Structures are given as structure tokens and as C-alpha cells.
Amino acid sequence: MTTRFLAFLRDLDADLKAGLQEQLRVLWTHHSTALEGNTLTLGETFFVLSEGMTVGGKPLKDHLEVMGHARAIDLLAGWLDRGAALGESELFALHEAVQTRVVTDSLAPVGGWKVEPNGASFYRDGRLHFNDTYADPRDVPALMADWLALAASRRGQALSPEEARAAYVDLHASFVRVHPFADGNGRVARLLANVPVLEAGYPPLVLPRERRAEYIGALARWQTEAGKATPERGLLPAREKLAELDALCREAWRDSLDLVAEFRARQASRRPSAGQKPLAPNG
């Protein structure tokens, strides 16, 4: 396993390390669930995760979603810390974590590939459109085997920030193009796409809820250009059409990087311990 994993935490005092990890976990959970319609505010998300209590007047589903997403982050971090391979069972475990399990539906399995076609509406050029380019259920196993191979090829490398962001974009876009689950695809994609980012030593790339319309539009435009996901077409046709998503990711990642810089500045303001090494994202 590469020693670069979470290198941005190195040489921080224990309290700063714990504080930075907590803030990133809360921010990641809040924005990723809010992109899917969760109504908890950032402060409420922090309260639920830190105190384990519910917020009056908010749906139980929303509480379960943020708790599940935070649990999924912990699962993923544990696997990466051990250098574990990621396969179907790990993807299913992440899916089980982010889903609420309040309703059980045999046509919308939790912890298993979808069994029915799925699609989504999006807004473009003043009109509503329907995106029916997601993979047919019968093609999902083969496509996800290809996706797991793609993910494995991007792991454990010394990546520049630009290369790490490109890996995030490729893994995220190709995952949601397949749309392998009945629900929860966006949350799982945003978790898994951060694997090469974290392993290269950087903080997670978190897409903000405030840019939801741009995010959905950028993905939908590429998906309609790329056409229906099939094993024959491959995972990333028309890769050049992902420039809009890449630009959004470049801007969004700044928030996590700035937060790390803030904690480094706090560390630098303290009396350095003997032999303490300077902080650097790549260790």
C-alpha cells in the first residue's frame, strides 16, 4: 500500500488532525447527501454526526442518510488504509451504507445491481429532457467489471493534483453513466471517485450542493453525447466532452484544499516539535 494515503494529515498535532478529519467528513456528507435532496443544513449534519441525535421537524430518512454516508466514508477509509482491493462486495457494502433500508423493494435492491432500467430528467436550453442512456440491467455486471479494472489502474500512484482530478472525473463520470444501482448512484460514485485522490495524499474532492444544477447538467450533456452505456461502447466515449465537469471539479476542490491549508497554518503557528517535518500533500 502506498504511504501517500491521507498524507495531508501528517505532522499535524493530534487535535488538529482529528478536527480536520471531522470537518472533511461532515462537509463531504452534507454536500453529497444535499445534492440528492437531503434537507439537513451543514450545522444540522454536524449535530447529527457529532451528537447522535435527531433534529426536530426533519425527516427520519434525512438523518439516516447522513449517518449512512458518514459510515460509508469510514468503511472506505478503512479499506484504503489496509490497501484492500475493491470489488463487487465492497461496492455493495458502500451501497448498503448510503441507503436507508426504510423501504424494502425487490425491484430496487440494496447491496445489489439494479434489476430494472433507470433514467432521469434534466433541464437544458429552456426545456426538460429525459436521459435514458444508463446501462440496461443485463449489461451492468460486464460494465462494472470494466469499471473496477479502471479504478484499480488509477490506484496507489504518485499523482499531480491535475492527474488526481482527472482520475476523479473519469471514475465518477463512468460510474454514473452505467448507473448500476436502482438508487444511490451519485453518493457511491462521489465516494469511489475519491479513491485515487486520497491515495495520492490529497483531501477529498467535494462537489457543493450550491452547484447542483451545473453538476447535473454537465453530466447529462456528456451522457447524451456519449450515448447509451454498453460494453461495446466502453466506459468513457467522447472523453473531451467532460471538460465542463472537469472545470467544476477544479473549482470545487479548492474548498477542501483551502481547509487543509487553514489547519496547516494553525500547526505552523504552534511551537514546532523537534525534528518536525513540513507539511506537504504528497508526504
C-alpha atoms as a PDB file:
ATOM      1  CA  MET A   1       0.000   0.000   0.000  1.00  0.00           C
ATOM      2  CA  THR A   2       1.312   3.427  -0.853  1.00  0.00           C
ATOM      3  CA  THR A   3       2.490   5.519   2.082  1.00  0.00           C
ATOM      4  CA  ARG A   4       0.948   8.612   0.487  1.00  0.00           C
ATOM      5  CA  PHE A   5      -2.582   7.746   1.677  1.00  0.00           C
ATOM      6  CA  LEU A   6      -4.016  10.744   3.594  1.00  0.00           C
ATOM      7  CA  ALA A   7      -0.571  12.358   3.587  1.00  0.00           C
ATOM      8  CA  PHE A   8      -2.212  15.756   4.112  1.00  0.00           C
ATOM      9  CA  LEU A   9      -2.818  14.718   7.746  1.00  0.00           C
ATOM     10  CA  ARG A  10       0.826  14.046   8.525  1.00  0.00           C
ATOM     11  CA  ASP A  11       2.724  16.135  11.054  1.00  0.00           C
ATOM     12  CA  LEU A  12      -0.448  17.681  12.436  1.00  0.00           C
ATOM     13  CA  ASP A  13      -0.899  17.594  16.191  1.00  0.00           C
ATOM     14  CA  ALA A  14      -3.500  15.034  17.297  1.00  0.00           C
ATOM     15  CA  ASP A  15      -6.218  17.608  17.978  1.00  0.00           C
ATOM     16  CA  LEU A  16      -5.710  19.325  14.612  1.00  0.00           C
ATOM     17  CA  LYS A  17      -5.684  16.007  12.799  1.00  0.00           C
ATOM     18  CA  ALA A  18      -8.944  14.948  14.463  1.00  0.00           C
ATOM     19  CA  GLY A  19     -10.540  18.335  13.788  1.00  0.00           C
ATOM     20  CA  LEU A  20      -9.601  18.339  10.115  1.00  0.00           C
ATOM     21  CA  GLN A  21     -10.833  14.778   9.629  1.00  0.00           C
ATOM     22  CA  GLU A  22     -14.123  15.622  11.330  1.00  0.00           C
ATOM     23  CA  GLN A  23     -14.701  18.742   9.255  1.00  0.00           C
ATOM     24  CA  LEU A  24     -13.966  16.958   5.977  1.00  0.00           C
ATOM     25  CA  ARG A  25     -16.243  14.064   6.954  1.00  0.00           C
ATOM     26  CA  VAL A  26     -19.105  16.441   7.800  1.00  0.00           C
ATOM     27  CA  LEU A  27     -18.630  18.601   4.682  1.00  0.00           C
ATOM     28  CA  TRP A  28     -18.418  15.569   2.387  1.00  0.00           C
ATOM     29  CA  THR A  29     -21.505  14.001   3.948  1.00  0.00           C
ATOM     30  CA  HIS A  30     -23.551  17.196   3.944  1.00  0.00           C
ATOM     31  CA  HIS A  31     -22.877  18.179   0.352  1.00  0.00           C
ATOM     32  CA  SER A  32     -23.135  14.690  -1.149  1.00  0.00           C
ATOM     33  CA  THR A  33     -26.470  13.979   0.525  1.00  0.00           C
ATOM     34  CA  ALA A  34     -27.772  17.504  -0.157  1.00  0.00           C
ATOM     35  CA  LEU A  35     -27.062  17.030  -3.859  1.00  0.00           C
ATOM     36  CA  GLU A  36     -29.639  14.217  -3.699  1.00  0.00           C
ATOM     37  CA  GLY A  37     -32.258  16.297  -1.873  1.00  0.00           C
ATOM     38  CA  ASN A  38     -31.373  15.873   1.800  1.00  0.00           C
ATOM     39  CA  THR A  39     -32.764  18.825   3.764  1.00  0.00           C
ATOM     40  CA  LEU A  40     -30.387  18.886   6.744  1.00  0.00           C
ATOM     41  CA  THR A  41     -28.231  22.013   6.889  1.00  0.00           C
ATOM     42  CA  LEU A  42     -24.484  21.843   7.404  1.00  0.00           C
ATOM     43  CA  GLY A  43     -24.944  22.676  11.080  1.00  0.00           C
ATOM     44  CA  GLU A  44     -27.654  20.041  11.468  1.00  0.00           C
ATOM     45  CA  THR A  45     -25.481  17.454   9.741  1.00  0.00           C
ATOM     46  CA  PHE A  46     -22.662  18.232  12.177  1.00  0.00           C
ATOM     47  CA  PHE A  47     -25.086  17.932  15.118  1.00  0.00           C
ATOM     48  CA  VAL A  48     -26.443  14.566  13.985  1.00  0.00           C
ATOM     49  CA  LEU A  49     -22.974  13.099  13.369  1.00  0.00           C
ATOM     50  CA  SER A  50     -21.325  14.526  16.490  1.00  0.00           C
ATOM     51  CA  GLU A  51     -24.165  14.097  18.992  1.00  0.00           C
ATOM     52  CA  GLY A  52     -26.032  11.139  17.516  1.00  0.00           C
ATOM     53  CA  MET A  53     -29.341  12.962  17.984  1.00  0.00           C
ATOM     54  CA  THR A  54     -32.135  13.897  15.604  1.00  0.00           C
ATOM     55  CA  VAL A  55     -33.208  17.395  14.600  1.00  0.00           C
ATOM     56  CA  GLY A  56     -36.838  18.249  15.268  1.00  0.00           C
ATOM     57  CA  GLY A  57     -39.051  18.642  12.232  1.00  0.00           C
ATOM     58  CA  LYS A  58     -36.688  16.928   9.806  1.00  0.00           C
ATOM     59  CA  PRO A  59     -37.484  13.559   8.143  1.00  0.00           C
ATOM     60  CA  LEU A  60     -36.049  10.408   9.679  1.00  0.00           C
ATOM     61  CA  LYS A  61     -34.833   9.480   6.175  1.00  0.00           C
ATOM     62  CA  ASP A  62     -32.556  12.530   6.094  1.00  0.00           C
ATOM     63  CA  HIS A  63     -30.964  11.609   9.413  1.00  0.00           C
ATOM     64  CA  LEU A  64     -30.379   8.038   8.273  1.00  0.00           C
ATOM     65  CA  GLU A  65     -28.845   9.258   5.001  1.00  0.00           C
ATOM     66  CA  VAL A  66     -26.198  11.411   6.665  1.00  0.00           C
ATOM     67  CA  MET A  67     -25.382   8.724   9.210  1.00  0.00           C
ATOM     68  CA  GLY A  68     -25.111   6.161   6.426  1.00  0.00           C
ATOM     69  CA  HIS A  69     -22.898   8.353   4.285  1.00  0.00           C
ATOM     70  CA  ALA A  70     -20.533   9.031   7.179  1.00  0.00           C
ATOM     71  CA  ARG A  71     -20.409   5.297   7.851  1.00  0.00           C
ATOM     72  CA  ALA A  72     -19.564   4.720   4.179  1.00  0.00           C
ATOM     73  CA  ILE A  73     -16.650   7.189   4.427  1.00  0.00           C
ATOM     74  CA  ASP A  74     -15.333   5.243   7.420  1.00  0.00           C
ATOM     75  CA  LEU A  75     -15.688   1.955   5.541  1.00  0.00           C
ATOM     76  CA  LEU A  76     -13.831   3.307   2.527  1.00  0.00           C
ATOM     77  CA  ALA A  77     -11.051   4.837   4.625  1.00  0.00           C
ATOM     78  CA  GLY A  78     -10.567   1.556   6.472  1.00  0.00           C
ATOM     79  CA  TRP A  79     -10.207  -0.405   3.229  1.00  0.00           C
ATOM     80  CA  LEU A  80      -7.755   2.088   1.759  1.00  0.00           C
ATOM     81  CA  ASP A  81      -5.712   2.224   4.947  1.00  0.00           C
ATOM     82  CA  ARG A  82      -5.258  -1.549   4.698  1.00  0.00           C
ATOM     83  CA  GLY A  83      -4.576  -1.398   0.960  1.00  0.00           C
ATOM     84  CA  ALA A  84      -7.563  -3.658   0.295  1.00  0.00           C
ATOM     85  CA  ALA A  85      -8.689  -4.410  -3.234  1.00  0.00           C
ATOM     86  CA  LEU A  86     -12.095  -3.066  -4.202  1.00  0.00           C
ATOM     87  CA  GLY A  87     -14.529  -5.485  -5.780  1.00  0.00           C
ATOM     88  CA  GLU A  88     -18.253  -6.090  -6.059  1.00  0.00           C
ATOM     89  CA  SER A  89     -18.639  -6.910  -2.363  1.00  0.00           C
ATOM     90  CA  GLU A  90     -17.075  -3.582  -1.327  1.00  0.00           C
ATOM     91  CA  LEU A  91     -19.282  -1.644  -3.751  1.00  0.00           C
ATOM     92  CA  PHE A  92     -22.336  -3.431  -2.388  1.00  0.00           C
ATOM     93  CA  ALA A  93     -21.269  -2.635   1.185  1.00  0.00           C
ATOM     94  CA  LEU A  94     -20.973   1.079   0.340  1.00  0.00           C
ATOM     95  CA  HIS A  95     -24.387   0.961  -1.309  1.00  0.00           C
ATOM     96  CA  GLU A  96     -25.901  -0.656   1.772  1.00  0.00           C
ATOM     97  CA  ALA A  97     -24.364   2.054   3.937  1.00  0.00           C
ATOM     98  CA  VAL A  98     -25.715   5.026   1.970  1.00  0.00           C
ATOM     99  CA  GLN A  99     -29.219   3.566   1.602  1.00  0.00           C
ATOM    100  CA  THR A 100     -31.716   3.939   4.437  1.00  0.00           C
ATOM    101  CA  ARG A 101     -33.366   0.495   4.217  1.00  0.00           C
ATOM    102  CA  VAL A 102     -36.602   2.082   5.462  1.00  0.00           C
ATOM    103  CA  VAL A 103     -38.444   0.616   2.477  1.00  0.00           C
ATOM    104  CA  THR A 104     -37.618  -2.792   1.019  1.00  0.00           C
ATOM    105  CA  ASP A 105     -38.394  -3.229  -2.673  1.00  0.00           C
ATOM    106  CA  SER A 106     -37.387  -6.272  -4.702  1.00  0.00           C
ATOM    107  CA  LEU A 107     -37.260  -4.064  -7.811  1.00  0.00           C
ATOM    108  CA  ALA A 108     -34.848  -1.646  -6.084  1.00  0.00           C
ATOM    109  CA  PRO A 109     -32.348  -3.937  -4.346  1.00  0.00           C
ATOM    110  CA  VAL A 110     -29.962  -2.579  -1.733  1.00  0.00           C
ATOM    111  CA  GLY A 111     -26.462  -4.024  -1.972  1.00  0.00           C
ATOM    112  CA  GLY A 112     -27.048  -5.449  -5.452  1.00  0.00           C
ATOM    113  CA  TRP A 113     -27.138  -4.328  -9.069  1.00  0.00           C
ATOM    114  CA  LYS A 114     -30.330  -2.835 -10.461  1.00  0.00           C
ATOM    115  CA  VAL A 115     -32.900  -5.169 -11.972  1.00  0.00           C
ATOM    116  CA  GLU A 116     -34.927  -2.565 -13.894  1.00  0.00           C
ATOM    117  CA  PRO A 117     -33.879   0.171 -16.342  1.00  0.00           C
ATOM    118  CA  ASN A 118     -33.470   3.636 -14.853  1.00  0.00           C
ATOM    119  CA  GLY A 119     -33.338   7.140 -16.277  1.00  0.00           C
ATOM    120  CA  ALA A 120     -33.603  10.746 -15.122  1.00  0.00           C
ATOM    121  CA  SER A 121     -34.976  14.081 -16.291  1.00  0.00           C
ATOM    122  CA  PHE A 122     -32.725  17.134 -16.678  1.00  0.00           C
ATOM    123  CA  TYR A 123     -33.105  20.738 -17.771  1.00  0.00           C
ATOM    124  CA  ARG A 124     -31.259  22.180 -20.779  1.00  0.00           C
ATOM    125  CA  ASP A 125     -31.788  25.079 -23.164  1.00  0.00           C
ATOM    126  CA  GLY A 126     -35.078  26.049 -21.573  1.00  0.00           C
ATOM    127  CA  ARG A 127     -36.572  22.561 -21.894  1.00  0.00           C
ATOM    128  CA  LEU A 128     -36.891  19.401 -19.851  1.00  0.00           C
ATOM    129  CA  HIS A 129     -35.188  16.336 -21.310  1.00  0.00           C
ATOM    130  CA  PHE A 130     -35.091  12.677 -20.286  1.00  0.00           C
ATOM    131  CA  ASN A 131     -31.775  10.869 -20.014  1.00  0.00           C
ATOM    132  CA  ASP A 132     -32.224   7.207 -20.930  1.00  0.00           C
ATOM    133  CA  THR A 133     -28.550   6.489 -21.634  1.00  0.00           C
ATOM    134  CA  TYR A 134     -27.894   4.484 -18.461  1.00  0.00           C
ATOM    135  CA  ALA A 135     -26.905   0.854 -18.963  1.00  0.00           C
ATOM    136  CA  ASP A 136     -29.503  -1.884 -19.267  1.00  0.00           C
ATOM    137  CA  PRO A 137     -29.515  -4.187 -16.220  1.00  0.00           C
ATOM    138  CA  ARG A 138     -28.222  -7.117 -18.293  1.00  0.00           C
ATOM    139  CA  ASP A 139     -25.078  -5.124 -19.204  1.00  0.00           C
ATOM    140  CA  VAL A 140     -24.276  -3.916 -15.681  1.00  0.00           C
ATOM    141  CA  PRO A 141     -22.093  -6.860 -14.498  1.00  0.00           C
ATOM    142  CA  ALA A 142     -19.777  -6.624 -17.520  1.00  0.00           C
ATOM    143  CA  LEU A 143     -19.590  -2.831 -17.411  1.00  0.00           C
ATOM    144  CA  MET A 144     -18.880  -2.786 -13.681  1.00  0.00           C
ATOM    145  CA  ALA A 145     -16.147  -5.381 -14.116  1.00  0.00           C
ATOM    146  CA  ASP A 146     -14.590  -2.936 -16.599  1.00  0.00           C
ATOM    147  CA  TRP A 147     -15.136  -0.078 -14.148  1.00  0.00           C
ATOM    148  CA  LEU A 148     -13.420  -1.965 -11.316  1.00  0.00           C
ATOM    149  CA  ALA A 149     -10.472  -2.616 -13.631  1.00  0.00           C
ATOM    150  CA  LEU A 150     -10.338   1.102 -14.489  1.00  0.00           C
ATOM    151  CA  ALA A 151     -10.446   2.013 -10.794  1.00  0.00           C
ATOM    152  CA  ALA A 152      -7.668  -0.456  -9.984  1.00  0.00           C
ATOM    153  CA  SER A 153      -5.483   1.074 -12.706  1.00  0.00           C
ATOM    154  CA  ARG A 154      -5.734   4.519 -11.059  1.00  0.00           C
ATOM    155  CA  ARG A 155      -4.862   3.384  -7.529  1.00  0.00           C
ATOM    156  CA  GLY A 156      -1.721   3.783  -5.467  1.00  0.00           C
ATOM    157  CA  GLN A 157       0.023   6.243  -7.762  1.00  0.00           C
ATOM    158  CA  ALA A 158       2.015   9.413  -7.191  1.00  0.00           C
ATOM    159  CA  LEU A 159      -0.378  11.776  -8.957  1.00  0.00           C
ATOM    160  CA  SER A 160      -0.112  15.506  -9.500  1.00  0.00           C
ATOM    161  CA  PRO A 161      -3.211  17.492  -8.492  1.00  0.00           C
ATOM    162  CA  GLU A 162      -4.247  17.629 -12.165  1.00  0.00           C
ATOM    163  CA  GLU A 163      -3.823  13.876 -12.591  1.00  0.00           C
ATOM    164  CA  ALA A 164      -5.733  13.170  -9.362  1.00  0.00           C
ATOM    165  CA  ARG A 165      -8.590  15.389 -10.508  1.00  0.00           C
ATOM    166  CA  ALA A 166      -8.657  13.707 -13.922  1.00  0.00           C
ATOM    167  CA  ALA A 167      -8.854  10.302 -12.235  1.00  0.00           C
ATOM    168  CA  TYR A 168     -11.768  11.564 -10.121  1.00  0.00           C
ATOM    169  CA  VAL A 169     -13.614  12.851 -13.189  1.00  0.00           C
ATOM    170  CA  ASP A 170     -13.103   9.623 -15.142  1.00  0.00           C
ATOM    171  CA  LEU A 171     -14.204   7.324 -12.316  1.00  0.00           C
ATOM    172  CA  HIS A 172     -17.148   9.497 -11.329  1.00  0.00           C
ATOM    173  CA  ALA A 173     -18.475  10.052 -14.843  1.00  0.00           C
ATOM    174  CA  SER A 174     -18.105   6.440 -15.958  1.00  0.00           C
ATOM    175  CA  PHE A 175     -19.785   5.116 -12.803  1.00  0.00           C
ATOM    176  CA  VAL A 176     -22.886   7.306 -13.091  1.00  0.00           C
ATOM    177  CA  ARG A 177     -23.061   6.630 -16.838  1.00  0.00           C
ATOM    178  CA  VAL A 178     -23.566   2.960 -16.005  1.00  0.00           C
ATOM    179  CA  HIS A 179     -25.885   3.844 -13.088  1.00  0.00           C
ATOM    180  CA  PRO A 180     -25.552   0.284 -11.697  1.00  0.00           C
ATOM    181  CA  PHE A 181     -27.864   0.697  -8.699  1.00  0.00           C
ATOM    182  CA  ALA A 182     -31.570   1.449  -8.504  1.00  0.00           C
ATOM    183  CA  ASP A 183     -30.777   4.398  -6.209  1.00  0.00           C
ATOM    184  CA  GLY A 184     -27.749   5.934  -4.508  1.00  0.00           C
ATOM    185  CA  ASN A 185     -25.529   6.037  -7.611  1.00  0.00           C
ATOM    186  CA  GLY A 186     -24.369   9.622  -7.124  1.00  0.00           C
ATOM    187  CA  ARG A 187     -23.389   9.178  -3.489  1.00  0.00           C
ATOM    188  CA  VAL A 188     -21.484   5.958  -4.191  1.00  0.00           C
ATOM    189  CA  ALA A 189     -19.795   7.483  -7.257  1.00  0.00           C
ATOM    190  CA  ARG A 190     -18.615  10.516  -5.279  1.00  0.00           C
ATOM    191  CA  LEU A 191     -17.163   8.195  -2.638  1.00  0.00           C
ATOM    192  CA  LEU A 192     -15.371   5.837  -5.030  1.00  0.00           C
ATOM    193  CA  ALA A 193     -14.059   8.538  -7.363  1.00  0.00           C
ATOM    194  CA  ASN A 194     -12.069   9.918  -4.430  1.00  0.00           C
ATOM    195  CA  VAL A 195     -10.059   6.688  -4.027  1.00  0.00           C
ATOM    196  CA  PRO A 196      -7.124   7.799  -6.247  1.00  0.00           C
ATOM    197  CA  VAL A 197      -7.344  11.306  -4.775  1.00  0.00           C
ATOM    198  CA  LEU A 198      -6.983  10.085  -1.177  1.00  0.00           C
ATOM    199  CA  GLU A 199      -4.347   7.522  -2.083  1.00  0.00           C
ATOM    200  CA  ALA A 200      -2.282  10.217  -3.804  1.00  0.00           C
ATOM    201  CA  GLY A 201      -2.211  12.097  -0.493  1.00  0.00           C
ATOM    202  CA  TYR A 202      -4.857  14.765  -1.123  1.00  0.00           C
ATOM    203  CA  PRO A 203      -8.086  15.672   0.705  1.00  0.00           C
ATOM    204  CA  PRO A 204     -11.379  14.562  -0.887  1.00  0.00           C
ATOM    205  CA  LEU A 205     -12.889  16.464  -3.774  1.00  0.00           C
ATOM    206  CA  VAL A 206     -16.336  17.535  -2.562  1.00  0.00           C
ATOM    207  CA  LEU A 207     -18.904  18.837  -5.020  1.00  0.00           C
ATOM    208  CA  PRO A 208     -21.016  21.558  -3.340  1.00  0.00           C
ATOM    209  CA  ARG A 209     -24.796  21.424  -3.153  1.00  0.00           C
ATOM    210  CA  GLU A 210     -24.946  25.048  -4.335  1.00  0.00           C
ATOM    211  CA  ARG A 211     -23.756  23.943  -7.790  1.00  0.00           C
ATOM    212  CA  ARG A 212     -26.178  21.066  -8.168  1.00  0.00           C
ATOM    213  CA  ALA A 213     -27.723  22.331 -11.414  1.00  0.00           C
ATOM    214  CA  GLU A 214     -24.305  22.779 -13.078  1.00  0.00           C
ATOM    215  CA  TYR A 215     -23.194  19.358 -11.882  1.00  0.00           C
ATOM    216  CA  ILE A 216     -26.261  17.508 -13.136  1.00  0.00           C
ATOM    217  CA  GLY A 217     -26.250  19.436 -16.399  1.00  0.00           C
ATOM    218  CA  ALA A 218     -22.574  18.734 -17.093  1.00  0.00           C
ATOM    219  CA  LEU A 219     -23.041  15.009 -16.560  1.00  0.00           C
ATOM    220  CA  ALA A 220     -26.264  14.838 -18.574  1.00  0.00           C
ATOM    221  CA  ARG A 221     -24.752  16.698 -21.527  1.00  0.00           C
ATOM    222  CA  TRP A 222     -21.805  14.314 -21.657  1.00  0.00           C
ATOM    223  CA  GLN A 223     -24.021  11.248 -21.243  1.00  0.00           C
ATOM    224  CA  THR A 224     -26.261  12.250 -24.137  1.00  0.00           C
ATOM    225  CA  GLU A 225     -23.184  12.872 -26.301  1.00  0.00           C
ATOM    226  CA  ALA A 226     -21.655   9.522 -25.299  1.00  0.00           C
ATOM    227  CA  GLY A 227     -24.851   7.561 -25.935  1.00  0.00           C
ATOM    228  CA  LYS A 228     -26.215   4.541 -24.132  1.00  0.00           C
ATOM    229  CA  ALA A 229     -23.714   2.738 -21.938  1.00  0.00           C
ATOM    230  CA  THR A 230     -22.898  -0.680 -23.390  1.00  0.00           C
ATOM    231  CA  PRO A 231     -19.843  -2.961 -23.116  1.00  0.00           C
ATOM    232  CA  GLU A 232     -19.141  -2.327 -26.816  1.00  0.00           C
ATOM    233  CA  ARG A 233     -19.050   1.481 -26.454  1.00  0.00           C
ATOM    234  CA  GLY A 234     -16.736   1.386 -23.436  1.00  0.00           C
ATOM    235  CA  LEU A 235     -16.827   3.476 -20.293  1.00  0.00           C
ATOM    236  CA  LEU A 236     -15.515   6.850 -21.494  1.00  0.00           C
ATOM    237  CA  PRO A 237     -16.507   7.680 -25.075  1.00  0.00           C
ATOM    238  CA  ALA A 238     -16.375  11.368 -26.020  1.00  0.00           C
ATOM    239  CA  ARG A 239     -13.980  11.989 -23.103  1.00  0.00           C
ATOM    240  CA  GLU A 240     -13.333  15.523 -24.365  1.00  0.00           C
ATOM    241  CA  LYS A 241     -16.960  16.413 -23.572  1.00  0.00           C
ATOM    242  CA  LEU A 242     -16.172  16.071 -19.850  1.00  0.00           C
ATOM    243  CA  ALA A 243     -14.338  19.416 -19.851  1.00  0.00           C
ATOM    244  CA  GLU A 244     -17.314  21.126 -18.193  1.00  0.00           C
ATOM    245  CA  LEU A 245     -17.365  18.625 -15.319  1.00  0.00           C
ATOM    246  CA  ASP A 246     -13.582  18.852 -15.002  1.00  0.00           C
ATOM    247  CA  ALA A 247     -13.750  22.650 -14.671  1.00  0.00           C
ATOM    248  CA  LEU A 248     -16.429  22.347 -11.989  1.00  0.00           C
ATOM    249  CA  CYS A 249     -14.305  19.815 -10.081  1.00  0.00           C
ATOM    250  CA  ARG A 250     -11.260  22.085 -10.291  1.00  0.00           C
ATOM    251  CA  GLU A 251     -13.177  24.917  -8.646  1.00  0.00           C
ATOM    252  CA  ALA A 252     -14.959  22.714  -6.093  1.00  0.00           C
ATOM    253  CA  TRP A 253     -11.776  21.030  -4.856  1.00  0.00           C
ATOM    254  CA  ARG A 254     -10.430  24.411  -3.771  1.00  0.00           C
ATOM    255  CA  ASP A 255     -12.630  24.306  -0.647  1.00  0.00           C
ATOM    256  CA  SER A 256     -11.035  21.105   0.676  1.00  0.00           C
ATOM    257  CA  LEU A 257      -7.536  22.275  -0.215  1.00  0.00           C
ATOM    258  CA  ASP A 258      -8.145  25.639   1.496  1.00  0.00           C
ATOM    259  CA  LEU A 259      -9.386  23.854   4.618  1.00  0.00           C
ATOM    260  CA  VAL A 260      -6.191  21.792   4.731  1.00  0.00           C
ATOM    261  CA  ALA A 261      -4.161  24.987   4.301  1.00  0.00           C
ATOM    262  CA  GLU A 262      -6.049  26.539   7.216  1.00  0.00           C
ATOM    263  CA  PHE A 263      -5.146  23.646   9.511  1.00  0.00           C
ATOM    264  CA  ARG A 264      -1.531  23.731   8.352  1.00  0.00           C
ATOM    265  CA  ALA A 265      -1.416  27.408   9.223  1.00  0.00           C
ATOM    266  CA  ARG A 266      -2.736  26.573  12.696  1.00  0.00           C
ATOM    267  CA  GLN A 267       0.016  23.974  13.045  1.00  0.00           C
ATOM    268  CA  ALA A 268       2.660  26.409  11.851  1.00  0.00           C
ATOM    269  CA  SER A 269       1.548  28.958  14.453  1.00  0.00           C
ATOM    270  CA  ARG A 270       2.341  26.490  17.236  1.00  0.00           C
ATOM    271  CA  ARG A 271       5.846  25.895  18.501  1.00  0.00           C
ATOM    272  CA  PRO A 272       7.140  23.125  16.207  1.00  0.00           C
ATOM    273  CA  SER A 273       8.332  19.961  17.875  1.00  0.00           C
ATOM    274  CA  ALA A 274      11.934  18.860  17.444  1.00  0.00           C
ATOM    275  CA  GLY A 275      12.558  17.321  14.061  1.00  0.00           C
ATOM    276  CA  GLN A 276       9.027  18.018  12.833  1.00  0.00           C
ATOM    277  CA  LYS A 277       8.769  17.773   9.055  1.00  0.00           C
ATOM    278  CA  PRO A 278       6.989  20.410   6.951  1.00  0.00           C
ATOM    279  CA  LEU A 279       3.507  19.548   5.773  1.00  0.00           C
ATOM    280  CA  ALA A 280       3.066  18.574   2.127  1.00  0.00           C
ATOM    281  CA  PRO A 281       0.138  16.939   0.338  1.00  0.00           C
ATOM    282  CA  ASN A 282       2.337  14.192  -1.134  1.00  0.00           C
ATOM    283  CA  GLY A 283       4.180  13.413   2.096  1.00  0.00           C
END
